[in-house]
Amino acid sequence: GVNYYYRDEATFGCNQGYYLLGAFTVTCQADQTWSDPVPTCIPAKCPTLTPPENGTLSPTGANTYNDEVTFACNYKYVLEGASVARCQASRNWSEPVPTCRFVQCPTLAPPGNGTKSPIGMSFYEDEVTFACNQGYYLLGAFTVTCQADETWSDPTPTCIRKTA
């Protein structure tokens, strides 16, 4: 190893994402001891995040350098913003906490000579399925999905009378 003599200095630093706790520089004293204890490197910590309103954050309590958190929204809500954030060496999160926006699609009428299921209001990612009465066939999408922009993935289909 390295030998240190009276008045020699040892300087310390930490890897990226870690911060020095203690003296940056220590000096060898006449009594063969160091002027300060050897410092330690501690990981950078970011502010603890709270989940978005009407949403979740996982894992909870993650806030150390390179920790990653994932955001999600409850049923009927769509995520606006980043779904993942990482704690950076700067002690800031890579992304702000996103928001969860309520999404409801307009109520669909069943096609003429047909049915739709389920009946009632529809929210984000809900599916509505169509069928035609006996003697009719479906022209268009069998199933449509409520999208984030509050529109349906496809128009309501049509029931066409079968010909002999």
N, C-alpha and C. Protein backbone atom coordinates (compact mmCIF):
# COMPACT_ATOMS: atom_id res chain seq x y z
N GLY A 1 0.80 -1.20 0.00
CA GLY A 1 0.00 0.00 0.00
C GLY A 1 0.84 1.25 0.00
N VAL A 2 0.18 2.36 0.06
CA VAL A 2 0.82 3.67 0.05
C VAL A 2 1.18 4.06 1.49
N ASN A 3 2.37 4.62 1.66
CA ASN A 3 2.77 5.13 2.98
C ASN A 3 2.49 6.62 3.05
N TYR A 4 1.96 7.06 4.18
CA TYR A 4 1.72 8.49 4.39
C TYR A 4 2.61 8.95 5.54
N TYR A 5 3.12 10.17 5.40
CA TYR A 5 4.03 10.73 6.39
C TYR A 5 3.40 12.00 6.98
N TYR A 6 4.03 12.49 8.04
CA TYR A 6 3.56 13.70 8.73
C TYR A 6 3.27 14.81 7.71
N ARG A 7 2.07 15.38 7.83
CA ARG A 7 1.55 16.47 6.99
C ARG A 7 1.13 16.03 5.58
N ASP A 8 1.24 14.75 5.26
CA ASP A 8 0.70 14.27 3.97
C ASP A 8 -0.82 14.38 4.03
N GLU A 9 -1.41 14.59 2.85
CA GLU A 9 -2.87 14.69 2.77
C GLU A 9 -3.42 13.55 1.93
N ALA A 10 -4.57 13.07 2.33
CA ALA A 10 -5.32 12.08 1.53
C ALA A 10 -6.65 12.75 1.15
N THR A 11 -6.97 12.67 -0.13
CA THR A 11 -8.20 13.30 -0.63
C THR A 11 -9.16 12.20 -1.08
N PHE A 12 -10.43 12.40 -0.81
CA PHE A 12 -11.45 11.40 -1.10
C PHE A 12 -12.48 11.94 -2.09
N GLY A 13 -13.06 11.05 -2.82
CA GLY A 13 -14.16 11.38 -3.74
C GLY A 13 -15.07 10.17 -3.85
N CYS A 14 -16.22 10.39 -4.44
CA CYS A 14 -17.20 9.30 -4.58
C CYS A 14 -17.59 9.13 -6.04
N ASN A 15 -18.06 7.95 -6.36
CA ASN A 15 -18.57 7.67 -7.71
C ASN A 15 -19.83 8.49 -7.97
N GLN A 16 -20.19 8.60 -9.25
CA GLN A 16 -21.41 9.33 -9.62
C GLN A 16 -22.61 8.74 -8.89
N GLY A 17 -23.45 9.65 -8.40
CA GLY A 17 -24.65 9.22 -7.69
C GLY A 17 -24.43 9.03 -6.20
N TYR A 18 -23.20 9.28 -5.74
CA TYR A 18 -22.87 9.14 -4.32
C TYR A 18 -22.26 10.45 -3.82
N TYR A 19 -22.49 10.73 -2.55
CA TYR A 19 -22.00 11.97 -1.96
C TYR A 19 -21.16 11.67 -0.74
N LEU A 20 -20.12 12.51 -0.54
CA LEU A 20 -19.18 12.33 0.56
C LEU A 20 -19.80 12.79 1.87
N LEU A 21 -19.76 11.92 2.86
CA LEU A 21 -20.20 12.27 4.21
C LEU A 21 -18.94 12.30 5.07
N GLY A 22 -18.49 13.50 5.42
CA GLY A 22 -17.26 13.66 6.19
C GLY A 22 -16.30 14.58 5.47
N ALA A 23 -15.04 14.56 5.91
CA ALA A 23 -14.03 15.47 5.37
C ALA A 23 -13.57 15.01 3.99
N PHE A 24 -13.45 15.97 3.08
CA PHE A 24 -12.97 15.72 1.72
C PHE A 24 -11.47 15.38 1.74
N THR A 25 -10.74 16.06 2.63
CA THR A 25 -9.29 15.87 2.76
C THR A 25 -8.94 15.64 4.23
N VAL A 26 -8.05 14.67 4.48
CA VAL A 26 -7.55 14.43 5.84
C VAL A 26 -6.02 14.56 5.83
N THR A 27 -5.46 14.94 6.97
CA THR A 27 -4.02 15.19 7.07
C THR A 27 -3.40 14.24 8.09
N CYS A 28 -2.22 13.71 7.75
CA CYS A 28 -1.48 12.85 8.67
C CYS A 28 -0.83 13.74 9.74
N GLN A 29 -1.10 13.41 11.00
CA GLN A 29 -0.63 14.24 12.11
C GLN A 29 0.63 13.65 12.74
N ALA A 30 1.28 14.43 13.57
CA ALA A 30 2.55 14.03 14.21
C ALA A 30 2.39 12.75 15.04
N ASP A 31 1.18 12.54 15.60
CA ASP A 31 0.96 11.34 16.43
C ASP A 31 0.55 10.12 15.59
N GLN A 32 0.74 10.21 14.28
CA GLN A 32 0.46 9.13 13.32
C GLN A 32 -1.03 8.77 13.24
N THR A 33 -1.88 9.77 13.48
CA THR A 33 -3.32 9.60 13.28
C THR A 33 -3.77 10.60 12.21
N TRP A 34 -4.95 10.37 11.67
CA TRP A 34 -5.51 11.29 10.68
C TRP A 34 -6.28 12.40 11.38
N SER A 35 -6.32 13.55 10.76
CA SER A 35 -6.98 14.73 11.34
C SER A 35 -8.49 14.53 11.47
N ASP A 36 -9.07 13.68 10.64
CA ASP A 36 -10.52 13.40 10.66
C ASP A 36 -10.74 11.93 10.35
N PRO A 37 -11.91 11.40 10.73
CA PRO A 37 -12.21 10.00 10.34
C PRO A 37 -12.32 9.88 8.82
N VAL A 38 -12.07 8.68 8.32
CA VAL A 38 -12.24 8.43 6.88
C VAL A 38 -13.72 8.63 6.54
N PRO A 39 -14.02 9.44 5.51
CA PRO A 39 -15.42 9.69 5.17
C PRO A 39 -16.07 8.48 4.50
N THR A 40 -17.37 8.53 4.38
CA THR A 40 -18.10 7.46 3.67
C THR A 40 -18.84 8.07 2.49
N CYS A 41 -19.13 7.23 1.52
CA CYS A 41 -19.91 7.65 0.35
C CYS A 41 -21.34 7.14 0.52
N ILE A 42 -22.28 8.06 0.46
CA ILE A 42 -23.69 7.68 0.61
C ILE A 42 -24.42 7.96 -0.70
N PRO A 43 -25.38 7.10 -1.05
CA PRO A 43 -26.09 7.32 -2.32
C PRO A 43 -26.94 8.59 -2.27
N ALA A 44 -27.02 9.24 -3.42
CA ALA A 44 -27.88 10.42 -3.56
C ALA A 44 -29.32 9.99 -3.33
N LYS A 45 -30.09 10.86 -2.71
CA LYS A 45 -31.51 10.58 -2.49
C LYS A 45 -32.34 11.67 -3.15
N CYS A 46 -33.42 11.26 -3.78
CA CYS A 46 -34.37 12.19 -4.39
C CYS A 46 -35.53 12.39 -3.42
N PRO A 47 -36.29 13.48 -3.59
CA PRO A 47 -37.48 13.65 -2.74
C PRO A 47 -38.42 12.46 -2.90
N THR A 48 -39.03 12.03 -1.82
CA THR A 48 -39.98 10.92 -1.89
C THR A 48 -41.21 11.36 -2.67
N LEU A 49 -41.62 10.54 -3.63
CA LEU A 49 -42.75 10.88 -4.49
C LEU A 49 -44.06 10.39 -3.89
N THR A 50 -45.13 11.08 -4.25
CA THR A 50 -46.47 10.62 -3.89
C THR A 50 -47.17 10.19 -5.17
N PRO A 51 -48.05 9.19 -5.10
CA PRO A 51 -48.73 8.74 -6.32
C PRO A 51 -49.62 9.83 -6.89
N PRO A 52 -49.88 9.77 -8.20
CA PRO A 52 -50.81 10.75 -8.77
C PRO A 52 -52.21 10.53 -8.20
N GLU A 53 -53.01 11.59 -8.16
CA GLU A 53 -54.39 11.45 -7.71
C GLU A 53 -55.10 10.48 -8.65
N ASN A 54 -55.85 9.54 -8.10
CA ASN A 54 -56.53 8.48 -8.85
C ASN A 54 -55.55 7.54 -9.55
N GLY A 55 -54.37 7.37 -8.91
CA GLY A 55 -53.37 6.49 -9.49
C GLY A 55 -52.50 5.84 -8.43
N THR A 56 -51.49 5.10 -8.91
CA THR A 56 -50.58 4.38 -8.03
C THR A 56 -49.14 4.65 -8.42
N LEU A 57 -48.25 4.33 -7.48
CA LEU A 57 -46.81 4.48 -7.65
C LEU A 57 -46.19 3.23 -7.07
N SER A 58 -45.24 2.63 -7.81
CA SER A 58 -44.62 1.42 -7.27
C SER A 58 -43.16 1.34 -7.72
N PRO A 59 -42.23 0.91 -6.85
CA PRO A 59 -42.51 0.61 -5.45
C PRO A 59 -42.60 1.90 -4.62
N THR A 60 -43.36 1.87 -3.54
CA THR A 60 -43.47 3.05 -2.68
C THR A 60 -42.18 3.18 -1.88
N GLY A 61 -41.80 4.41 -1.59
CA GLY A 61 -40.61 4.65 -0.78
C GLY A 61 -39.30 4.65 -1.53
N ALA A 62 -39.31 4.31 -2.82
CA ALA A 62 -38.07 4.32 -3.60
C ALA A 62 -37.62 5.77 -3.78
N ASN A 63 -36.36 6.08 -3.43
CA ASN A 63 -35.88 7.44 -3.63
C ASN A 63 -34.35 7.53 -3.66
N THR A 64 -33.67 6.41 -3.85
CA THR A 64 -32.21 6.38 -3.87
C THR A 64 -31.72 6.41 -5.32
N TYR A 65 -30.51 6.92 -5.52
CA TYR A 65 -29.91 7.02 -6.85
C TYR A 65 -30.16 5.75 -7.68
N ASN A 66 -30.63 5.95 -8.89
CA ASN A 66 -30.94 4.90 -9.87
C ASN A 66 -32.21 4.12 -9.56
N ASP A 67 -32.89 4.40 -8.46
CA ASP A 67 -34.19 3.76 -8.22
C ASP A 67 -35.14 4.19 -9.33
N GLU A 68 -36.01 3.28 -9.70
CA GLU A 68 -37.00 3.56 -10.74
C GLU A 68 -38.38 3.32 -10.15
N VAL A 69 -39.31 4.22 -10.45
CA VAL A 69 -40.69 4.05 -10.01
C VAL A 69 -41.59 4.03 -11.23
N THR A 70 -42.70 3.31 -11.12
CA THR A 70 -43.67 3.19 -12.20
C THR A 70 -45.00 3.74 -11.72
N PHE A 71 -45.62 4.54 -12.57
CA PHE A 71 -46.92 5.13 -12.28
C PHE A 71 -48.00 4.43 -13.08
N ALA A 72 -49.19 4.31 -12.51
CA ALA A 72 -50.34 3.76 -13.23
C ALA A 72 -51.58 4.49 -12.72
N CYS A 73 -52.65 4.40 -13.50
CA CYS A 73 -53.90 5.06 -13.12
C CYS A 73 -54.97 4.02 -12.81
N ASN A 74 -55.91 4.42 -11.97
CA ASN A 74 -57.04 3.56 -11.62
C ASN A 74 -57.97 3.40 -12.82
N TYR A 75 -58.88 2.44 -12.69
CA TYR A 75 -59.90 2.21 -13.71
C TYR A 75 -60.64 3.52 -14.00
N LYS A 76 -60.96 3.75 -15.25
CA LYS A 76 -61.66 4.94 -15.77
C LYS A 76 -60.72 6.12 -15.99
N TYR A 77 -59.42 5.97 -15.69
CA TYR A 77 -58.47 7.09 -15.81
C TYR A 77 -57.34 6.73 -16.77
N VAL A 78 -56.84 7.76 -17.48
CA VAL A 78 -55.72 7.56 -18.40
C VAL A 78 -54.53 8.38 -17.90
N LEU A 79 -53.33 7.80 -18.04
CA LEU A 79 -52.09 8.44 -17.59
C LEU A 79 -51.68 9.51 -18.59
N GLU A 80 -51.41 10.71 -18.08
CA GLU A 80 -50.87 11.79 -18.91
C GLU A 80 -49.52 12.18 -18.35
N GLY A 81 -48.47 11.87 -19.10
CA GLY A 81 -47.10 12.07 -18.64
C GLY A 81 -46.35 10.76 -18.71
N ALA A 82 -45.14 10.75 -18.15
CA ALA A 82 -44.29 9.56 -18.20
C ALA A 82 -44.79 8.50 -17.22
N SER A 83 -44.69 7.24 -17.63
CA SER A 83 -45.11 6.15 -16.75
C SER A 83 -43.98 5.68 -15.84
N VAL A 84 -42.74 6.12 -16.14
CA VAL A 84 -41.57 5.70 -15.35
C VAL A 84 -40.70 6.92 -15.04
N ALA A 85 -40.16 6.99 -13.83
CA ALA A 85 -39.20 8.04 -13.45
C ALA A 85 -38.02 7.39 -12.72
N ARG A 86 -36.83 7.97 -12.89
CA ARG A 86 -35.62 7.43 -12.27
C ARG A 86 -34.97 8.52 -11.41
N CYS A 87 -34.47 8.12 -10.23
CA CYS A 87 -33.75 9.05 -9.35
C CYS A 87 -32.35 9.26 -9.93
N GLN A 88 -32.01 10.52 -10.20
CA GLN A 88 -30.75 10.86 -10.86
C GLN A 88 -29.69 11.30 -9.84
N ALA A 89 -28.43 11.33 -10.30
CA ALA A 89 -27.32 11.75 -9.44
C ALA A 89 -27.52 13.17 -8.92
N SER A 90 -28.25 13.99 -9.68
CA SER A 90 -28.51 15.38 -9.29
C SER A 90 -29.52 15.50 -8.14
N ARG A 91 -30.01 14.34 -7.68
CA ARG A 91 -31.01 14.26 -6.60
C ARG A 91 -32.39 14.73 -7.07
N ASN A 92 -32.59 14.72 -8.37
CA ASN A 92 -33.90 15.05 -8.95
C ASN A 92 -34.43 13.83 -9.70
N TRP A 93 -35.75 13.76 -9.83
CA TRP A 93 -36.36 12.69 -10.62
C TRP A 93 -36.28 13.05 -12.10
N SER A 94 -36.13 12.04 -12.95
CA SER A 94 -36.02 12.26 -14.39
C SER A 94 -37.31 12.79 -14.99
N GLU A 95 -38.44 12.53 -14.35
CA GLU A 95 -39.75 12.96 -14.85
C GLU A 95 -40.61 13.45 -13.69
N PRO A 96 -41.52 14.41 -13.97
CA PRO A 96 -42.46 14.81 -12.92
C PRO A 96 -43.53 13.74 -12.72
N VAL A 97 -44.23 13.80 -11.59
CA VAL A 97 -45.34 12.87 -11.34
C VAL A 97 -46.42 13.17 -12.39
N PRO A 98 -46.89 12.15 -13.11
CA PRO A 98 -47.91 12.38 -14.13
C PRO A 98 -49.28 12.64 -13.50
N THR A 99 -50.25 12.92 -14.34
CA THR A 99 -51.63 13.08 -13.85
C THR A 99 -52.49 11.95 -14.42
N CYS A 100 -53.59 11.69 -13.75
CA CYS A 100 -54.56 10.68 -14.20
C CYS A 100 -55.85 11.41 -14.55
N ARG A 101 -56.23 11.31 -15.82
CA ARG A 101 -57.42 12.02 -16.31
C ARG A 101 -58.57 11.05 -16.49
N PHE A 102 -59.75 11.46 -15.99
CA PHE A 102 -60.98 10.66 -16.10
C PHE A 102 -61.40 10.59 -17.57
N VAL A 103 -61.75 9.40 -18.04
CA VAL A 103 -62.17 9.21 -19.44
C VAL A 103 -63.50 8.48 -19.47
N GLN A 104 -64.48 9.09 -20.12
CA GLN A 104 -65.78 8.45 -20.35
C GLN A 104 -66.14 8.66 -21.82
N CYS A 105 -66.52 7.57 -22.49
CA CYS A 105 -66.90 7.65 -23.90
C CYS A 105 -68.41 7.86 -24.02
N PRO A 106 -68.84 8.46 -25.15
CA PRO A 106 -70.28 8.64 -25.34
C PRO A 106 -70.99 7.29 -25.39
N THR A 107 -72.22 7.27 -24.87
CA THR A 107 -73.01 6.03 -24.88
C THR A 107 -73.37 5.68 -26.32
N LEU A 108 -73.19 4.42 -26.67
CA LEU A 108 -73.49 3.95 -28.02
C LEU A 108 -74.88 3.34 -28.06
N ALA A 109 -75.58 3.60 -29.15
CA ALA A 109 -76.87 2.94 -29.38
C ALA A 109 -76.60 1.61 -30.06
N PRO A 110 -77.42 0.60 -29.80
CA PRO A 110 -77.23 -0.66 -30.54
C PRO A 110 -77.56 -0.43 -32.01
N PRO A 111 -76.99 -1.23 -32.91
CA PRO A 111 -77.33 -1.07 -34.32
C PRO A 111 -78.80 -1.47 -34.54
N GLY A 112 -79.41 -0.91 -35.55
CA GLY A 112 -80.78 -1.33 -35.90
C GLY A 112 -80.80 -2.83 -36.14
N ASN A 113 -81.80 -3.53 -35.61
CA ASN A 113 -81.92 -4.99 -35.73
C ASN A 113 -80.75 -5.72 -35.05
N GLY A 114 -80.23 -5.10 -33.97
CA GLY A 114 -79.12 -5.73 -33.25
C GLY A 114 -79.09 -5.32 -31.79
N THR A 115 -78.06 -5.80 -31.10
CA THR A 115 -77.90 -5.53 -29.67
C THR A 115 -76.46 -5.11 -29.39
N LYS A 116 -76.28 -4.52 -28.20
CA LYS A 116 -74.92 -4.22 -27.72
C LYS A 116 -74.82 -4.67 -26.28
N SER A 117 -73.60 -5.01 -25.88
CA SER A 117 -73.37 -5.48 -24.52
C SER A 117 -72.00 -5.00 -24.06
N PRO A 118 -71.82 -4.52 -22.84
CA PRO A 118 -72.88 -4.28 -21.86
C PRO A 118 -73.67 -3.02 -22.18
N ILE A 119 -74.79 -2.87 -21.50
CA ILE A 119 -75.62 -1.68 -21.62
C ILE A 119 -75.14 -0.70 -20.56
N GLY A 120 -75.22 0.59 -20.83
CA GLY A 120 -74.82 1.59 -19.82
C GLY A 120 -73.60 2.37 -20.24
N MET A 121 -73.03 3.11 -19.26
CA MET A 121 -71.90 3.98 -19.54
C MET A 121 -70.62 3.18 -19.75
N SER A 122 -69.70 3.78 -20.52
CA SER A 122 -68.43 3.12 -20.80
C SER A 122 -67.28 4.07 -20.48
N PHE A 123 -66.21 3.49 -19.92
CA PHE A 123 -65.06 4.26 -19.48
C PHE A 123 -63.80 3.75 -20.19
N TYR A 124 -62.67 4.41 -19.92
CA TYR A 124 -61.41 4.10 -20.58
C TYR A 124 -61.12 2.60 -20.59
N GLU A 125 -60.81 2.09 -21.78
CA GLU A 125 -60.46 0.68 -22.06
C GLU A 125 -61.63 -0.29 -21.93
N ASP A 126 -62.84 0.20 -21.66
CA ASP A 126 -64.02 -0.68 -21.69
C ASP A 126 -64.27 -1.11 -23.13
N GLU A 127 -64.82 -2.31 -23.27
CA GLU A 127 -65.19 -2.82 -24.59
C GLU A 127 -66.70 -2.97 -24.67
N VAL A 128 -67.23 -2.69 -25.84
CA VAL A 128 -68.65 -2.92 -26.13
C VAL A 128 -68.70 -3.89 -27.31
N THR A 129 -69.54 -4.91 -27.18
CA THR A 129 -69.67 -5.94 -28.21
C THR A 129 -71.05 -5.85 -28.84
N PHE A 130 -71.10 -6.03 -30.14
CA PHE A 130 -72.35 -5.95 -30.90
C PHE A 130 -72.74 -7.31 -31.46
N ALA A 131 -74.05 -7.51 -31.64
CA ALA A 131 -74.57 -8.73 -32.28
C ALA A 131 -75.80 -8.32 -33.07
N CYS A 132 -76.15 -9.14 -34.04
CA CYS A 132 -77.34 -8.86 -34.85
C CYS A 132 -78.43 -9.89 -34.55
N ASN A 133 -79.66 -9.48 -34.74
CA ASN A 133 -80.80 -10.38 -34.58
C ASN A 133 -80.73 -11.47 -35.64
N GLN A 134 -81.48 -12.55 -35.39
CA GLN A 134 -81.52 -13.66 -36.34
C GLN A 134 -81.99 -13.13 -37.69
N GLY A 135 -81.33 -13.60 -38.75
CA GLY A 135 -81.68 -13.16 -40.10
C GLY A 135 -80.87 -11.96 -40.56
N TYR A 136 -79.95 -11.47 -39.70
CA TYR A 136 -79.11 -10.31 -40.04
C TYR A 136 -77.64 -10.67 -39.80
N TYR A 137 -76.76 -10.00 -40.55
CA TYR A 137 -75.32 -10.18 -40.30
C TYR A 137 -74.68 -8.82 -40.01
N LEU A 138 -73.57 -8.88 -39.27
CA LEU A 138 -72.88 -7.67 -38.81
C LEU A 138 -71.91 -7.17 -39.87
N LEU A 139 -72.01 -5.89 -40.19
CA LEU A 139 -71.07 -5.25 -41.11
C LEU A 139 -70.32 -4.20 -40.29
N GLY A 140 -69.04 -4.44 -40.04
CA GLY A 140 -68.23 -3.53 -39.22
C GLY A 140 -67.58 -4.27 -38.07
N ALA A 141 -67.12 -3.52 -37.09
CA ALA A 141 -66.39 -4.09 -35.96
C ALA A 141 -67.35 -4.79 -35.00
N PHE A 142 -66.99 -6.00 -34.60
CA PHE A 142 -67.76 -6.80 -33.65
C PHE A 142 -67.63 -6.20 -32.24
N THR A 143 -66.41 -5.69 -31.93
CA THR A 143 -66.11 -5.11 -30.62
C THR A 143 -65.42 -3.76 -30.81
N VAL A 144 -65.80 -2.77 -29.99
CA VAL A 144 -65.13 -1.46 -30.01
C VAL A 144 -64.62 -1.16 -28.60
N THR A 145 -63.57 -0.33 -28.51
CA THR A 145 -62.93 -0.01 -27.24
C THR A 145 -62.96 1.50 -27.00
N CYS A 146 -63.24 1.88 -25.76
CA CYS A 146 -63.20 3.29 -25.35
C CYS A 146 -61.74 3.73 -25.25
N GLN A 147 -61.37 4.76 -26.00
CA GLN A 147 -59.98 5.22 -26.08
C GLN A 147 -59.72 6.43 -25.17
N ALA A 148 -58.44 6.74 -24.99
CA ALA A 148 -58.02 7.83 -24.11
C ALA A 148 -58.60 9.18 -24.51
N ASP A 149 -58.85 9.37 -25.81
CA ASP A 149 -59.39 10.66 -26.28
C ASP A 149 -60.92 10.71 -26.22
N GLU A 150 -61.52 9.76 -25.50
CA GLU A 150 -62.98 9.70 -25.29
C GLU A 150 -63.75 9.42 -26.58
N THR A 151 -63.09 8.73 -27.51
CA THR A 151 -63.77 8.27 -28.72
C THR A 151 -63.70 6.75 -28.75
N TRP A 152 -64.50 6.16 -29.63
CA TRP A 152 -64.51 4.71 -29.80
C TRP A 152 -63.52 4.31 -30.88
N SER A 153 -62.95 3.12 -30.75
CA SER A 153 -61.94 2.63 -31.69
C SER A 153 -62.50 2.44 -33.09
N ASP A 154 -63.80 2.20 -33.21
CA ASP A 154 -64.45 2.00 -34.51
C ASP A 154 -65.87 2.54 -34.43
N PRO A 155 -66.47 2.85 -35.59
CA PRO A 155 -67.87 3.27 -35.56
C PRO A 155 -68.80 2.09 -35.22
N THR A 156 -70.02 2.42 -34.80
CA THR A 156 -71.02 1.37 -34.53
C THR A 156 -71.28 0.61 -35.84
N PRO A 157 -71.27 -0.72 -35.78
CA PRO A 157 -71.51 -1.49 -37.00
C PRO A 157 -72.99 -1.44 -37.42
N THR A 158 -73.26 -2.03 -38.56
CA THR A 158 -74.63 -2.08 -39.10
C THR A 158 -75.06 -3.54 -39.20
N CYS A 159 -76.35 -3.78 -38.97
CA CYS A 159 -76.90 -5.13 -39.16
C CYS A 159 -77.63 -5.15 -40.51
N ILE A 160 -77.18 -6.02 -41.39
CA ILE A 160 -77.72 -6.12 -42.75
C ILE A 160 -78.56 -7.40 -42.85
N ARG A 161 -79.75 -7.28 -43.47
CA ARG A 161 -80.61 -8.45 -43.65
C ARG A 161 -79.94 -9.44 -44.60
N LYS A 162 -79.93 -10.71 -44.16
CA LYS A 162 -79.37 -11.77 -45.02
C LYS A 162 -80.33 -12.00 -46.17
N THR A 163 -79.78 -12.25 -47.35
CA THR A 163 -80.63 -12.57 -48.50
C THR A 163 -80.53 -14.06 -48.79
N ALA A 164 -81.59 -14.60 -49.32
CA ALA A 164 -81.68 -16.05 -49.53
C ALA A 164 -80.75 -16.52 -50.62
